[in-house]
Amino acid sequence: MHPYPMTDPPPAPTRPDAAPGLTALPVRTGRTRPGPSKPDTSLILGPVQTAAAAARATLRLSLGIWGLPHLTDDAEAITSELVTNAIAASRDKAPSGTEPCHITFRLTVQADDGELCIRVWDPDPLPPPRICTLPGDDAESGRGLFIVDALSVRWGWYPGPSGGKTVWSALRLDGQPPPQPEQGGQRQ
């Protein structure tokens, strides 16, 4: 038989280390700071083949919850490219015989700017390669940042506070396509 009747909830646990005569603090059930909360999610990813898929799944779920499913296709393409590049950078940066570092994927809504921001951190402090020319049809890689550039309103990178770098991309919340740059220019 169950020690508590099914109709009544079990008693609240007591803290044996609480001082006599003091009452317990209430549990926080909501936001305690003034102002709107900022949609923000992050994920630490191992340097494995499934990392991009895990980041895309987190992105789809977050955009659905935040009421921004119309951004999914472009945001998924950008996320795939940034995470794949970060995994490659992590593997390249790892000393021989050691495991590559994890990477971090972060997704935020910048309501004041009207943008969704995708950020990916990796341990390599070197900036992403400059976009000069589109690789040939036979090339197996080298198109990722062209895709990011084409789909983003703006993108760039900055050094990480404790090493490495963060590459970021911004999409407009209204889902409008980014303005196309003049011939051969990189928007940032």
Foldseek 3Di string as FASTA:
>chain_A
DDPDPPVDDDDDDDDPPDDPPDDDDDDDDDDDDDDDDWQKDKDWAFLDPCRLVVLLVVVCVSCVVVVQNLCNPLVSLLSSLQSPVQSVQQVVPDPPPDGGGIKMWMWTQPVVVQKIKIKIWHQAQDWDDDDADQDDPPDPDDCSVVSLQQAFLAWGKDADPVHTIMTMGIHGSVRDGHDDDDPRDGGD
